[in-house]
Amino acid sequence: MEFDDLSRKVIGCAIEVHKILGAGLLESIYEKCLGHELHLAGLSYSVQELLPVNYKGIALECGYRLDLVVENKLIVELKSVEKLQKIHEAQILTYMKLTGLNVGLLINFNETLLKNGIKRFVL
């Protein structure tokens, strides 16, 4: 599978975090460490960005939060679960639809080999 440059950089940062920390920690720890790696890589990002739902012209706060948005182009949804489920895929696809961003990464840090826990989505 071909990845764009930004996706490759983010995946590289995630692999570095996983290499140092391993599997099985809390999602919030991976989020902070990945943010640090993104910073070291010179990438701009936001963490826990609120995502309102636009309903009849009104932005309603419905509790959606984006784990990471990198370079205002890529949504990164982090998990630390036994196995990625369809609901996790639906979650990132919903975020992509609501933001209008066309590329997303779903990364499950609870894998022995991180590449087995990475899924890329393109709309």
PDB file of N, CA and C in Angstrom:
ATOM      1  N   MET A   1       0.844  -1.183   0.000  1.00  0.00           N
ATOM      2  CA  MET A   1       0.000   0.000   0.000  1.00  0.00           C
ATOM      3  C   MET A   1       0.886   1.242   0.000  1.00  0.00           C
ATOM      4  N   GLU A   2       0.590   2.165  -0.872  1.00  0.00           N
ATOM      5  CA  GLU A   2       1.324   3.418  -0.939  1.00  0.00           C
ATOM      6  C   GLU A   2       0.778   4.398   0.102  1.00  0.00           C
ATOM      7  N   PHE A   3       1.687   5.058   0.795  1.00  0.00           N
ATOM      8  CA  PHE A   3       1.292   6.090   1.750  1.00  0.00           C
ATOM      9  C   PHE A   3       1.840   7.425   1.285  1.00  0.00           C
ATOM     10  N   ASP A   4       1.112   8.481   1.543  1.00  0.00           N
ATOM     11  CA  ASP A   4       1.619   9.806   1.249  1.00  0.00           C
ATOM     12  C   ASP A   4       2.721  10.145   2.261  1.00  0.00           C
ATOM     13  N   ASP A   5       3.502  11.186   1.967  1.00  0.00           N
ATOM     14  CA  ASP A   5       4.637  11.552   2.821  1.00  0.00           C
ATOM     15  C   ASP A   5       4.217  11.837   4.256  1.00  0.00           C
ATOM     16  N   LEU A   6       3.119  12.557   4.433  1.00  0.00           N
ATOM     17  CA  LEU A   6       2.682  12.907   5.784  1.00  0.00           C
ATOM     18  C   LEU A   6       2.311  11.649   6.569  1.00  0.00           C
ATOM     19  N   SER A   7       1.574  10.745   5.959  1.00  0.00           N
ATOM     20  CA  SER A   7       1.217   9.496   6.640  1.00  0.00           C
ATOM     21  C   SER A   7       2.461   8.709   7.030  1.00  0.00           C
ATOM     22  N   ARG A   8       3.434   8.651   6.113  1.00  0.00           N
ATOM     23  CA  ARG A   8       4.677   7.936   6.407  1.00  0.00           C
ATOM     24  C   ARG A   8       5.413   8.554   7.589  1.00  0.00           C
ATOM     25  N   LYS A   9       5.465   9.876   7.649  1.00  0.00           N
ATOM     26  CA  LYS A   9       6.153  10.551   8.760  1.00  0.00           C
ATOM     27  C   LYS A   9       5.455  10.252  10.087  1.00  0.00           C
ATOM     28  N   VAL A  10       4.136  10.325  10.090  1.00  0.00           N
ATOM     29  CA  VAL A  10       3.380  10.065  11.320  1.00  0.00           C
ATOM     30  C   VAL A  10       3.556   8.612  11.749  1.00  0.00           C
ATOM     31  N   ILE A  11       3.499   7.695  10.798  1.00  0.00           N
ATOM     32  CA  ILE A  11       3.695   6.277  11.117  1.00  0.00           C
ATOM     33  C   ILE A  11       5.097   6.064  11.678  1.00  0.00           C
ATOM     34  N   GLY A  12       6.090   6.717  11.103  1.00  0.00           N
ATOM     35  CA  GLY A  12       7.447   6.621  11.623  1.00  0.00           C
ATOM     36  C   GLY A  12       7.543   7.106  13.063  1.00  0.00           C
ATOM     37  N   CYS A  13       6.866   8.201  13.363  1.00  0.00           N
ATOM     38  CA  CYS A  13       6.835   8.717  14.739  1.00  0.00           C
ATOM     39  C   CYS A  13       6.147   7.721  15.668  1.00  0.00           C
ATOM     40  N   ALA A  14       5.046   7.133  15.210  1.00  0.00           N
ATOM     41  CA  ALA A  14       4.321   6.151  16.024  1.00  0.00           C
ATOM     42  C   ALA A  14       5.185   4.917  16.276  1.00  0.00           C
ATOM     43  N   ILE A  15       5.920   4.490  15.275  1.00  0.00           N
ATOM     44  CA  ILE A  15       6.798   3.331  15.444  1.00  0.00           C
ATOM     45  C   ILE A  15       7.886   3.639  16.470  1.00  0.00           C
ATOM     46  N   GLU A  16       8.411   4.851  16.440  1.00  0.00           N
ATOM     47  CA  GLU A  16       9.424   5.243  17.423  1.00  0.00           C
ATOM     48  C   GLU A  16       8.849   5.182  18.841  1.00  0.00           C
ATOM     49  N   VAL A  17       7.649   5.697  19.033  1.00  0.00           N
ATOM     50  CA  VAL A  17       6.999   5.646  20.351  1.00  0.00           C
ATOM     51  C   VAL A  17       6.820   4.190  20.782  1.00  0.00           C
ATOM     52  N   HIS A  18       6.315   3.365  19.873  1.00  0.00           N
ATOM     53  CA  HIS A  18       6.055   1.963  20.196  1.00  0.00           C
ATOM     54  C   HIS A  18       7.349   1.213  20.497  1.00  0.00           C
ATOM     55  N   LYS A  19       8.401   1.547  19.772  1.00  0.00           N
ATOM     56  CA  LYS A  19       9.699   0.905  19.983  1.00  0.00           C
ATOM     57  C   LYS A  19      10.211   1.181  21.407  1.00  0.00           C
ATOM     58  N   ILE A  20       9.983   2.378  21.888  1.00  0.00           N
ATOM     59  CA  ILE A  20      10.464   2.763  23.219  1.00  0.00           C
ATOM     60  C   ILE A  20       9.528   2.273  24.329  1.00  0.00           C
ATOM     61  N   LEU A  21       8.218   2.430  24.138  1.00  0.00           N
ATOM     62  CA  LEU A  21       7.256   2.111  25.203  1.00  0.00           C
ATOM     63  C   LEU A  21       6.703   0.691  25.140  1.00  0.00           C
ATOM     64  N   GLY A  22       6.649   0.112  23.954  1.00  0.00           N
ATOM     65  CA  GLY A  22       6.019  -1.191  23.812  1.00  0.00           C
ATOM     66  C   GLY A  22       4.504  -1.085  23.847  1.00  0.00           C
ATOM     67  N   ALA A  23       3.858  -2.224  23.972  1.00  0.00           N
ATOM     68  CA  ALA A  23       2.389  -2.295  23.962  1.00  0.00           C
ATOM     69  C   ALA A  23       1.839  -2.280  25.374  1.00  0.00           C
ATOM     70  N   GLY A  24       0.544  -1.974  25.488  1.00  0.00           N
ATOM     71  CA  GLY A  24      -0.174  -2.200  26.731  1.00  0.00           C
ATOM     72  C   GLY A  24      -0.345  -1.016  27.661  1.00  0.00           C
ATOM     73  N   LEU A  25       0.117   0.180  27.277  1.00  0.00           N
ATOM     74  CA  LEU A  25      -0.074   1.351  28.133  1.00  0.00           C
ATOM     75  C   LEU A  25      -1.392   2.038  27.789  1.00  0.00           C
ATOM     76  N   LEU A  26      -1.726   3.067  28.533  1.00  0.00           N
ATOM     77  CA  LEU A  26      -2.943   3.823  28.275  1.00  0.00           C
ATOM     78  C   LEU A  26      -2.819   4.635  26.992  1.00  0.00           C
ATOM     79  N   GLU A  27      -3.928   4.797  26.313  1.00  0.00           N
ATOM     80  CA  GLU A  27      -3.976   5.587  25.085  1.00  0.00           C
ATOM     81  C   GLU A  27      -3.436   6.995  25.314  1.00  0.00           C
ATOM     82  N   SER A  28      -3.760   7.592  26.449  1.00  0.00           N
ATOM     83  CA  SER A  28      -3.336   8.968  26.734  1.00  0.00           C
ATOM     84  C   SER A  28      -1.816   9.103  26.785  1.00  0.00           C
ATOM     85  N   ILE A  29      -1.120   8.074  27.220  1.00  0.00           N
ATOM     86  CA  ILE A  29       0.340   8.104  27.259  1.00  0.00           C
ATOM     87  C   ILE A  29       0.893   8.096  25.836  1.00  0.00           C
ATOM     88  N   TYR A  30       0.353   7.234  24.996  1.00  0.00           N
ATOM     89  CA  TYR A  30       0.799   7.191  23.604  1.00  0.00           C
ATOM     90  C   TYR A  30       0.517   8.522  22.909  1.00  0.00           C
ATOM     91  N   GLU A  31      -0.613   9.129  23.234  1.00  0.00           N
ATOM     92  CA  GLU A  31      -0.981  10.407  22.625  1.00  0.00           C
ATOM     93  C   GLU A  31       0.058  11.480  22.952  1.00  0.00           C
ATOM     94  N   LYS A  32       0.433  11.583  24.218  1.00  0.00           N
ATOM     95  CA  LYS A  32       1.427  12.588  24.615  1.00  0.00           C
ATOM     96  C   LYS A  32       2.786  12.312  23.993  1.00  0.00           C
ATOM     97  N   CYS A  33       3.194  11.058  23.990  1.00  0.00           N
ATOM     98  CA  CYS A  33       4.500  10.701  23.428  1.00  0.00           C
ATOM     99  C   CYS A  33       4.524  10.889  21.912  1.00  0.00           C
ATOM    100  N   LEU A  34       3.432  10.537  21.238  1.00  0.00           N
ATOM    101  CA  LEU A  34       3.367  10.737  19.798  1.00  0.00           C
ATOM    102  C   LEU A  34       3.391  12.232  19.491  1.00  0.00           C
ATOM    103  N   GLY A  35       2.712  13.026  20.275  1.00  0.00           N
ATOM    104  CA  GLY A  35       2.764  14.475  20.104  1.00  0.00           C
ATOM    105  C   GLY A  35       4.197  14.991  20.195  1.00  0.00           C
ATOM    106  N   HIS A  36       4.943  14.474  21.154  1.00  0.00           N
ATOM    107  CA  HIS A  36       6.349  14.876  21.314  1.00  0.00           C
ATOM    108  C   HIS A  36       7.159  14.477  20.076  1.00  0.00           C
ATOM    109  N   GLU A  37       6.948  13.273  19.568  1.00  0.00           N
ATOM    110  CA  GLU A  37       7.661  12.823  18.364  1.00  0.00           C
ATOM    111  C   GLU A  37       7.282  13.667  17.144  1.00  0.00           C
ATOM    112  N   LEU A  38       6.009  14.030  17.023  1.00  0.00           N
ATOM    113  CA  LEU A  38       5.580  14.884  15.913  1.00  0.00           C
ATOM    114  C   LEU A  38       6.276  16.235  15.995  1.00  0.00           C
ATOM    115  N   HIS A  39       6.385  16.765  17.212  1.00  0.00           N
ATOM    116  CA  HIS A  39       7.083  18.037  17.427  1.00  0.00           C
ATOM    117  C   HIS A  39       8.545  17.916  16.997  1.00  0.00           C
ATOM    118  N   LEU A  40       9.201  16.837  17.434  1.00  0.00           N
ATOM    119  CA  LEU A  40      10.602  16.616  17.064  1.00  0.00           C
ATOM    120  C   LEU A  40      10.773  16.493  15.549  1.00  0.00           C
ATOM    121  N   ALA A  41       9.749  15.979  14.871  1.00  0.00           N
ATOM    122  CA  ALA A  41       9.784  15.820  13.415  1.00  0.00           C
ATOM    123  C   ALA A  41       9.429  17.117  12.681  1.00  0.00           C
ATOM    124  N   GLY A  42       9.105  18.154  13.449  1.00  0.00           N
ATOM    125  CA  GLY A  42       8.777  19.442  12.845  1.00  0.00           C
ATOM    126  C   GLY A  42       7.384  19.524  12.262  1.00  0.00           C
ATOM    127  N   LEU A  43       6.488  18.662  12.728  1.00  0.00           N
ATOM    128  CA  LEU A  43       5.113  18.651  12.229  1.00  0.00           C
ATOM    129  C   LEU A  43       4.200  19.411  13.184  1.00  0.00           C
ATOM    130  N   SER A  44       3.304  20.201  12.624  1.00  0.00           N
ATOM    131  CA  SER A  44       2.317  20.886  13.466  1.00  0.00           C
ATOM    132  C   SER A  44       1.157  19.934  13.725  1.00  0.00           C
ATOM    133  N   TYR A  45       0.572  20.047  14.907  1.00  0.00           N
ATOM    134  CA  TYR A  45      -0.532  19.153  15.268  1.00  0.00           C
ATOM    135  C   TYR A  45      -1.361  19.782  16.373  1.00  0.00           C
ATOM    136  N   SER A  46      -2.582  19.321  16.488  1.00  0.00           N
ATOM    137  CA  SER A  46      -3.437  19.684  17.611  1.00  0.00           C
ATOM    138  C   SER A  46      -3.869  18.391  18.294  1.00  0.00           C
ATOM    139  N   VAL A  47      -4.159  18.504  19.584  1.00  0.00           N
ATOM    140  CA  VAL A  47      -4.520  17.346  20.398  1.00  0.00           C
ATOM    141  C   VAL A  47      -5.915  17.567  20.982  1.00  0.00           C
ATOM    142  N   GLN A  48      -6.725  16.511  20.970  1.00  0.00           N
ATOM    143  CA  GLN A  48      -8.057  16.534  21.568  1.00  0.00           C
ATOM    144  C   GLN A  48      -8.891  17.723  21.068  1.00  0.00           C
ATOM    145  N   GLU A  49      -8.846  17.917  19.762  1.00  0.00           N
ATOM    146  CA  GLU A  49      -9.579  19.003  19.133  1.00  0.00           C
ATOM    147  C   GLU A  49     -11.079  18.703  19.174  1.00  0.00           C
ATOM    148  N   LEU A  50     -11.854  19.665  19.651  1.00  0.00           N
ATOM    149  CA  LEU A  50     -13.305  19.495  19.694  1.00  0.00           C
ATOM    150  C   LEU A  50     -13.867  19.465  18.285  1.00  0.00           C
ATOM    151  N   LEU A  51     -14.829  18.601  18.072  1.00  0.00           N
ATOM    152  CA  LEU A  51     -15.448  18.468  16.761  1.00  0.00           C
ATOM    153  C   LEU A  51     -16.957  18.608  16.913  1.00  0.00           C
ATOM    154  N   PRO A  52     -17.465  19.808  16.658  1.00  0.00           N
ATOM    155  CA  PRO A  52     -18.913  19.981  16.741  1.00  0.00           C
ATOM    156  C   PRO A  52     -19.614  19.364  15.537  1.00  0.00           C
ATOM    157  N   VAL A  53     -20.879  19.088  15.697  1.00  0.00           N
ATOM    158  CA  VAL A  53     -21.719  18.592  14.608  1.00  0.00           C
ATOM    159  C   VAL A  53     -22.533  19.770  14.108  1.00  0.00           C
ATOM    160  N   ASN A  54     -22.461  20.027  12.801  1.00  0.00           N
ATOM    161  CA  ASN A  54     -23.229  21.121  12.221  1.00  0.00           C
ATOM    162  C   ASN A  54     -24.634  20.617  11.911  1.00  0.00           C
ATOM    163  N   TYR A  55     -25.611  21.172  12.604  1.00  0.00           N
ATOM    164  CA  TYR A  55     -27.004  20.761  12.416  1.00  0.00           C
ATOM    165  C   TYR A  55     -27.843  21.990  12.110  1.00  0.00           C
ATOM    166  N   LYS A  56     -28.366  22.071  10.892  1.00  0.00           N
ATOM    167  CA  LYS A  56     -29.195  23.190  10.451  1.00  0.00           C
ATOM    168  C   LYS A  56     -28.504  24.528  10.709  1.00  0.00           C
ATOM    169  N   GLY A  57     -27.203  24.560  10.395  1.00  0.00           N
ATOM    170  CA  GLY A  57     -26.450  25.800  10.508  1.00  0.00           C
ATOM    171  C   GLY A  57     -25.950  26.133  11.903  1.00  0.00           C
ATOM    172  N   ILE A  58     -26.174  25.251  12.848  1.00  0.00           N
ATOM    173  CA  ILE A  58     -25.732  25.483  14.224  1.00  0.00           C
ATOM    174  C   ILE A  58     -24.683  24.437  14.582  1.00  0.00           C
ATOM    175  N   ALA A  59     -23.571  24.908  15.140  1.00  0.00           N
ATOM    176  CA  ALA A  59     -22.514  23.985  15.575  1.00  0.00           C
ATOM    177  C   ALA A  59     -22.869  23.487  16.973  1.00  0.00           C
ATOM    178  N   LEU A  60     -23.166  22.192  17.065  1.00  0.00           N
ATOM    179  CA  LEU A  60     -23.554  21.599  18.341  1.00  0.00           C
ATOM    180  C   LEU A  60     -22.400  20.773  18.909  1.00  0.00           C
ATOM    181  N   GLU A  61     -22.054  21.042  20.157  1.00  0.00           N
ATOM    182  CA  GLU A  61     -21.025  20.259  20.838  1.00  0.00           C
ATOM    183  C   GLU A  61     -21.659  18.936  21.252  1.00  0.00           C
ATOM    184  N   CYS A  62     -21.171  17.855  20.649  1.00  0.00           N
ATOM    185  CA  CYS A  62     -21.752  16.534  20.894  1.00  0.00           C
ATOM    186  C   CYS A  62     -20.776  15.571  21.559  1.00  0.00           C
ATOM    187  N   GLY A  63     -19.636  16.073  21.982  1.00  0.00           N
ATOM    188  CA  GLY A  63     -18.691  15.231  22.692  1.00  0.00           C
ATOM    189  C   GLY A  63     -17.613  14.601  21.836  1.00  0.00           C
ATOM    190  N   TYR A  64     -17.605  14.882  20.534  1.00  0.00           N
ATOM    191  CA  TYR A  64     -16.552  14.339  19.683  1.00  0.00           C
ATOM    192  C   TYR A  64     -15.247  15.093  19.916  1.00  0.00           C
ATOM    193  N   ARG A  65     -14.163  14.341  20.036  1.00  0.00           N
ATOM    194  CA  ARG A  65     -12.823  14.926  20.158  1.00  0.00           C
ATOM    195  C   ARG A  65     -11.876  14.128  19.269  1.00  0.00           C
ATOM    196  N   LEU A  66     -11.110  14.846  18.489  1.00  0.00           N
ATOM    197  CA  LEU A  66     -10.125  14.225  17.612  1.00  0.00           C
ATOM    198  C   LEU A  66      -8.838  14.037  18.404  1.00  0.00           C
ATOM    199  N   ASP A  67      -8.312  12.829  18.438  1.00  0.00           N
ATOM    200  CA  ASP A  67      -7.077  12.591  19.192  1.00  0.00           C
ATOM    201  C   ASP A  67      -5.970  13.511  18.699  1.00  0.00           C
ATOM    202  N   LEU A  68      -5.660  13.442  17.422  1.00  0.00           N
ATOM    203  CA  LEU A  68      -4.628  14.296  16.827  1.00  0.00           C
ATOM    204  C   LEU A  68      -5.050  14.702  15.423  1.00  0.00           C
ATOM    205  N   VAL A  69      -4.751  15.937  15.077  1.00  0.00           N
ATOM    206  CA  VAL A  69      -4.874  16.397  13.697  1.00  0.00           C
ATOM    207  C   VAL A  69      -3.494  16.932  13.330  1.00  0.00           C
ATOM    208  N   VAL A  70      -2.883  16.355  12.297  1.00  0.00           N
ATOM    209  CA  VAL A  70      -1.513  16.691  11.917  1.00  0.00           C
ATOM    210  C   VAL A  70      -1.523  17.544  10.646  1.00  0.00           C
ATOM    211  N   GLU A  71      -0.846  18.689  10.742  1.00  0.00           N
ATOM    212  CA  GLU A  71      -0.705  19.606   9.605  1.00  0.00           C
ATOM    213  C   GLU A  71      -2.061  20.029   9.033  1.00  0.00           C
ATOM    214  N   ASN A  72      -3.104  19.987   9.829  1.00  0.00           N
ATOM    215  CA  ASN A  72      -4.466  20.315   9.380  1.00  0.00           C
ATOM    216  C   ASN A  72      -4.903  19.492   8.170  1.00  0.00           C
ATOM    217  N   LYS A  73      -4.294  18.301   8.008  1.00  0.00           N
ATOM    218  CA  LYS A  73      -4.587  17.466   6.842  1.00  0.00           C
ATOM    219  C   LYS A  73      -4.923  16.025   7.184  1.00  0.00           C
ATOM    220  N   LEU A  74      -4.457  15.554   8.333  1.00  0.00           N
ATOM    221  CA  LEU A  74      -4.510  14.130   8.644  1.00  0.00           C
ATOM    222  C   LEU A  74      -5.069  13.921  10.050  1.00  0.00           C
ATOM    223  N   ILE A  75      -6.126  13.122  10.150  1.00  0.00           N
ATOM    224  CA  ILE A  75      -6.683  12.746  11.454  1.00  0.00           C
ATOM    225  C   ILE A  75      -5.978  11.482  11.919  1.00  0.00           C
ATOM    226  N   VAL A  76      -5.543  11.475  13.172  1.00  0.00           N
ATOM    227  CA  VAL A  76      -4.923  10.292  13.754  1.00  0.00           C
ATOM    228  C   VAL A  76      -5.743   9.903  14.969  1.00  0.00           C
ATOM    229  N   GLU A  77      -6.346   8.740  14.911  1.00  0.00           N
ATOM    230  CA  GLU A  77      -7.141   8.205  16.019  1.00  0.00           C
ATOM    231  C   GLU A  77      -6.335   7.094  16.665  1.00  0.00           C
ATOM    232  N   LEU A  78      -6.087   7.235  17.962  1.00  0.00           N
ATOM    233  CA  LEU A  78      -5.253   6.285  18.690  1.00  0.00           C
ATOM    234  C   LEU A  78      -6.100   5.345  19.529  1.00  0.00           C
ATOM    235  N   LYS A  79      -5.652   4.116  19.600  1.00  0.00           N
ATOM    236  CA  LYS A  79      -6.297   3.106  20.441  1.00  0.00           C
ATOM    237  C   LYS A  79      -5.217   2.303  21.151  1.00  0.00           C
ATOM    238  N   SER A  80      -5.599   1.717  22.257  1.00  0.00           N
ATOM    239  CA  SER A  80      -4.770   0.739  22.955  1.00  0.00           C
ATOM    240  C   SER A  80      -5.723  -0.355  23.421  1.00  0.00           C
ATOM    241  N   VAL A  81      -6.150  -1.165  22.453  1.00  0.00           N
ATOM    242  CA  VAL A  81      -7.171  -2.181  22.689  1.00  0.00           C
ATOM    243  C   VAL A  81      -6.663  -3.542  22.222  1.00  0.00           C
ATOM    244  N   GLU A  82      -7.333  -4.587  22.669  1.00  0.00           N
ATOM    245  CA  GLU A  82      -6.926  -5.943  22.281  1.00  0.00           C
ATOM    246  C   GLU A  82      -6.962  -6.124  20.773  1.00  0.00           C
ATOM    247  N   LYS A  83      -8.027  -5.613  20.156  1.00  0.00           N
ATOM    248  CA  LYS A  83      -8.187  -5.762  18.709  1.00  0.00           C
ATOM    249  C   LYS A  83      -9.038  -4.611  18.190  1.00  0.00           C
ATOM    250  N   LEU A  84      -8.647  -4.043  17.055  1.00  0.00           N
ATOM    251  CA  LEU A  84      -9.469  -3.011  16.434  1.00  0.00           C
ATOM    252  C   LEU A  84     -10.786  -3.632  15.982  1.00  0.00           C
ATOM    253  N   GLN A  85     -11.858  -2.883  16.203  1.00  0.00           N
ATOM    254  CA  GLN A  85     -13.198  -3.333  15.849  1.00  0.00           C
ATOM    255  C   GLN A  85     -13.775  -2.435  14.751  1.00  0.00           C
ATOM    256  N   LYS A  86     -14.857  -2.867  14.157  1.00  0.00           N
ATOM    257  CA  LYS A  86     -15.535  -2.071  13.122  1.00  0.00           C
ATOM    258  C   LYS A  86     -15.974  -0.709  13.663  1.00  0.00           C
ATOM    259  N   ILE A  87     -16.331  -0.648  14.941  1.00  0.00           N
ATOM    260  CA  ILE A  87     -16.764   0.619  15.539  1.00  0.00           C
ATOM    261  C   ILE A  87     -15.632   1.641  15.540  1.00  0.00           C
ATOM    262  N   HIS A  88     -14.385   1.183  15.683  1.00  0.00           N
ATOM    263  CA  HIS A  88     -13.236   2.092  15.638  1.00  0.00           C
ATOM    264  C   HIS A  88     -13.066   2.661  14.227  1.00  0.00           C
ATOM    265  N   GLU A  89     -13.278   1.811  13.226  1.00  0.00           N
ATOM    266  CA  GLU A  89     -13.210   2.269  11.845  1.00  0.00           C
ATOM    267  C   GLU A  89     -14.336   3.257  11.554  1.00  0.00           C
ATOM    268  N   ALA A  90     -15.520   2.960  12.046  1.00  0.00           N
ATOM    269  CA  ALA A  90     -16.655   3.861  11.850  1.00  0.00           C
ATOM    270  C   ALA A  90     -16.383   5.211  12.509  1.00  0.00           C
ATOM    271  N   GLN A  91     -15.738   5.187  13.664  1.00  0.00           N
ATOM    272  CA  GLN A  91     -15.414   6.417  14.385  1.00  0.00           C
ATOM    273  C   GLN A  91     -14.523   7.331  13.548  1.00  0.00           C
ATOM    274  N   ILE A  92     -13.424   6.805  13.021  1.00  0.00           N
ATOM    275  CA  ILE A  92     -12.523   7.668  12.248  1.00  0.00           C
ATOM    276  C   ILE A  92     -13.176   8.114  10.940  1.00  0.00           C
ATOM    277  N   LEU A  93     -13.961   7.251  10.310  1.00  0.00           N
ATOM    278  CA  LEU A  93     -14.662   7.653   9.087  1.00  0.00           C
ATOM    279  C   LEU A  93     -15.667   8.765   9.365  1.00  0.00           C
ATOM    280  N   THR A  94     -16.326   8.710  10.508  1.00  0.00           N
ATOM    281  CA  THR A  94     -17.247   9.781  10.908  1.00  0.00           C
ATOM    282  C   THR A  94     -16.491  11.081  11.098  1.00  0.00           C
ATOM    283  N   TYR A  95     -15.358  11.014  11.787  1.00  0.00           N
ATOM    284  CA  TYR A  95     -14.540  12.211  12.000  1.00  0.00           C
ATOM    285  C   TYR A  95     -14.086  12.811  10.670  1.00  0.00           C
ATOM    286  N   MET A  96     -13.695  11.960   9.746  1.00  0.00           N
ATOM    287  CA  MET A  96     -13.253  12.444   8.443  1.00  0.00           C
ATOM    288  C   MET A  96     -14.406  13.127   7.709  1.00  0.00           C
ATOM    289  N   LYS A  97     -15.574  12.526   7.774  1.00  0.00           N
ATOM    290  CA  LYS A  97     -16.748  13.104   7.113  1.00  0.00           C
ATOM    291  C   LYS A  97     -17.101  14.464   7.719  1.00  0.00           C
ATOM    292  N   LEU A  98     -17.092  14.544   9.043  1.00  0.00           N
ATOM    293  CA  LEU A  98     -17.487  15.787   9.713  1.00  0.00           C
ATOM    294  C   LEU A  98     -16.470  16.917   9.527  1.00  0.00           C
ATOM    295  N   THR A  99     -15.190  16.570   9.405  1.00  0.00           N
ATOM    296  CA  THR A  99     -14.151  17.595   9.240  1.00  0.00           C
ATOM    297  C   THR A  99     -13.894  17.948   7.783  1.00  0.00           C
ATOM    298  N   GLY A 100     -14.229  17.037   6.870  1.00  0.00           N
ATOM    299  CA  GLY A 100     -13.885  17.244   5.472  1.00  0.00           C
ATOM    300  C   GLY A 100     -12.446  16.871   5.154  1.00  0.00           C
ATOM    301  N   LEU A 101     -11.726  16.302   6.135  1.00  0.00           N
ATOM    302  CA  LEU A 101     -10.364  15.832   5.890  1.00  0.00           C
ATOM    303  C   LEU A 101     -10.436  14.452   5.251  1.00  0.00           C
ATOM    304  N   ASN A 102      -9.618  14.228   4.236  1.00  0.00           N
ATOM    305  CA  ASN A 102      -9.748  13.028   3.422  1.00  0.00           C
ATOM    306  C   ASN A 102      -8.865  11.859   3.828  1.00  0.00           C
ATOM    307  N   VAL A 103      -7.922  12.087   4.746  1.00  0.00           N
ATOM    308  CA  VAL A 103      -6.997  11.022   5.124  1.00  0.00           C
ATOM    309  C   VAL A 103      -7.003  10.853   6.637  1.00  0.00           C
ATOM    310  N   GLY A 104      -7.016   9.592   7.065  1.00  0.00           N
ATOM    311  CA  GLY A 104      -6.975   9.307   8.496  1.00  0.00           C
ATOM    312  C   GLY A 104      -6.164   8.060   8.780  1.00  0.00           C
ATOM    313  N   LEU A 105      -5.542   8.053   9.951  1.00  0.00           N
ATOM    314  CA  LEU A 105      -4.817   6.881  10.437  1.00  0.00           C
ATOM    315  C   LEU A 105      -5.460   6.404  11.723  1.00  0.00           C
ATOM    316  N   LEU A 106      -5.717   5.134  11.805  1.00  0.00           N
ATOM    317  CA  LEU A 106      -6.196   4.483  13.016  1.00  0.00           C
ATOM    318  C   LEU A 106      -5.036   3.623  13.507  1.00  0.00           C
ATOM    319  N   ILE A 107      -4.529   3.934  14.701  1.00  0.00           N
ATOM    320  CA  ILE A 107      -3.341   3.258  15.206  1.00  0.00           C
ATOM    321  C   ILE A 107      -3.644   2.615  16.552  1.00  0.00           C
ATOM    322  N   ASN A 108      -3.480   1.296  16.608  1.00  0.00           N
ATOM    323  CA  ASN A 108      -3.665   0.544  17.849  1.00  0.00           C
ATOM    324  C   ASN A 108      -2.280   0.198  18.414  1.00  0.00           C
ATOM    325  N   PHE A 109      -1.922   0.854  19.514  1.00  0.00           N
ATOM    326  CA  PHE A 109      -0.610   0.638  20.124  1.00  0.00           C
ATOM    327  C   PHE A 109      -0.523  -0.667  20.900  1.00  0.00           C
ATOM    328  N   ASN A 110      -1.625  -1.349  21.080  1.00  0.00           N
ATOM    329  CA  ASN A 110      -1.609  -2.600  21.850  1.00  0.00           C
ATOM    330  C   ASN A 110      -1.353  -3.803  20.931  1.00  0.00           C
ATOM    331  N   GLU A 111      -0.327  -3.698  20.125  1.00  0.00           N
ATOM    332  CA  GLU A 111       0.098  -4.761  19.217  1.00  0.00           C
ATOM    333  C   GLU A 111       1.570  -5.037  19.468  1.00  0.00           C
ATOM    334  N   THR A 112       1.963  -6.279  19.371  1.00  0.00           N
ATOM    335  CA  THR A 112       3.376  -6.628  19.513  1.00  0.00           C
ATOM    336  C   THR A 112       4.188  -5.978  18.401  1.00  0.00           C
ATOM    337  N   LEU A 113       3.673  -6.021  17.184  1.00  0.00           N
ATOM    338  CA  LEU A 113       4.287  -5.380  16.034  1.00  0.00           C
ATOM    339  C   LEU A 113       3.332  -4.276  15.571  1.00  0.00           C
ATOM    340  N   LEU A 114       3.741  -3.013  15.740  1.00  0.00           N
ATOM    341  CA  LEU A 114       2.824  -1.895  15.519  1.00  0.00           C
ATOM    342  C   LEU A 114       2.224  -1.887  14.114  1.00  0.00           C
ATOM    343  N   LYS A 115       2.986  -2.307  13.101  1.00  0.00           N
ATOM    344  CA  LYS A 115       2.449  -2.258  11.740  1.00  0.00           C
ATOM    345  C   LYS A 115       1.163  -3.072  11.606  1.00  0.00           C
ATOM    346  N   ASN A 116       0.959  -4.050  12.478  1.00  0.00           N
ATOM    347  CA  ASN A 116      -0.280  -4.829  12.460  1.00  0.00           C
ATOM    348  C   ASN A 116      -1.468  -4.065  13.042  1.00  0.00           C
ATOM    349  N   GLY A 117      -1.186  -2.947  13.692  1.00  0.00           N
ATOM    350  CA  GLY A 117      -2.251  -2.153  14.299  1.00  0.00           C
ATOM    351  C   GLY A 117      -2.500  -0.822  13.609  1.00  0.00           C
ATOM    352  N   ILE A 118      -2.032  -0.683  12.389  1.00  0.00           N
ATOM    353  CA  ILE A 118      -2.187   0.589  11.662  1.00  0.00           C
ATOM    354  C   ILE A 118      -3.113   0.379  10.462  1.00  0.00           C
ATOM    355  N   LYS A 119      -4.127   1.236  10.387  1.00  0.00           N
ATOM    356  CA  LYS A 119      -5.021   1.237   9.226  1.00  0.00           C
ATOM    357  C   LYS A 119      -5.110   2.669   8.705  1.00  0.00           C
ATOM    358  N   ARG A 120      -5.016   2.809   7.397  1.00  0.00           N
ATOM    359  CA  ARG A 120      -5.107   4.127   6.757  1.00  0.00           C
ATOM    360  C   ARG A 120      -6.412   4.188   5.983  1.00  0.00           C
ATOM    361  N   PHE A 121      -7.069   5.334   6.096  1.00  0.00           N
ATOM    362  CA  PHE A 121      -8.356   5.543   5.422  1.00  0.00           C
ATOM    363  C   PHE A 121      -8.254   6.753   4.516  1.00  0.00           C
ATOM    364  N   VAL A 122      -8.817   6.644   3.330  1.00  0.00           N
ATOM    365  CA  VAL A 122      -8.847   7.746   2.373  1.00  0.00           C
ATOM    366  C   VAL A 122     -10.263   7.848   1.833  1.00  0.00           C
ATOM    367  N   LEU A 123     -10.816   9.043   1.887  1.00  0.00           N
ATOM    368  CA  LEU A 123     -12.160   9.273   1.309  1.00  0.00           C
ATOM    369  C   LEU A 123     -12.027   9.808  -0.102  1.00  0.00           C
TER     370      LEU A 123
END
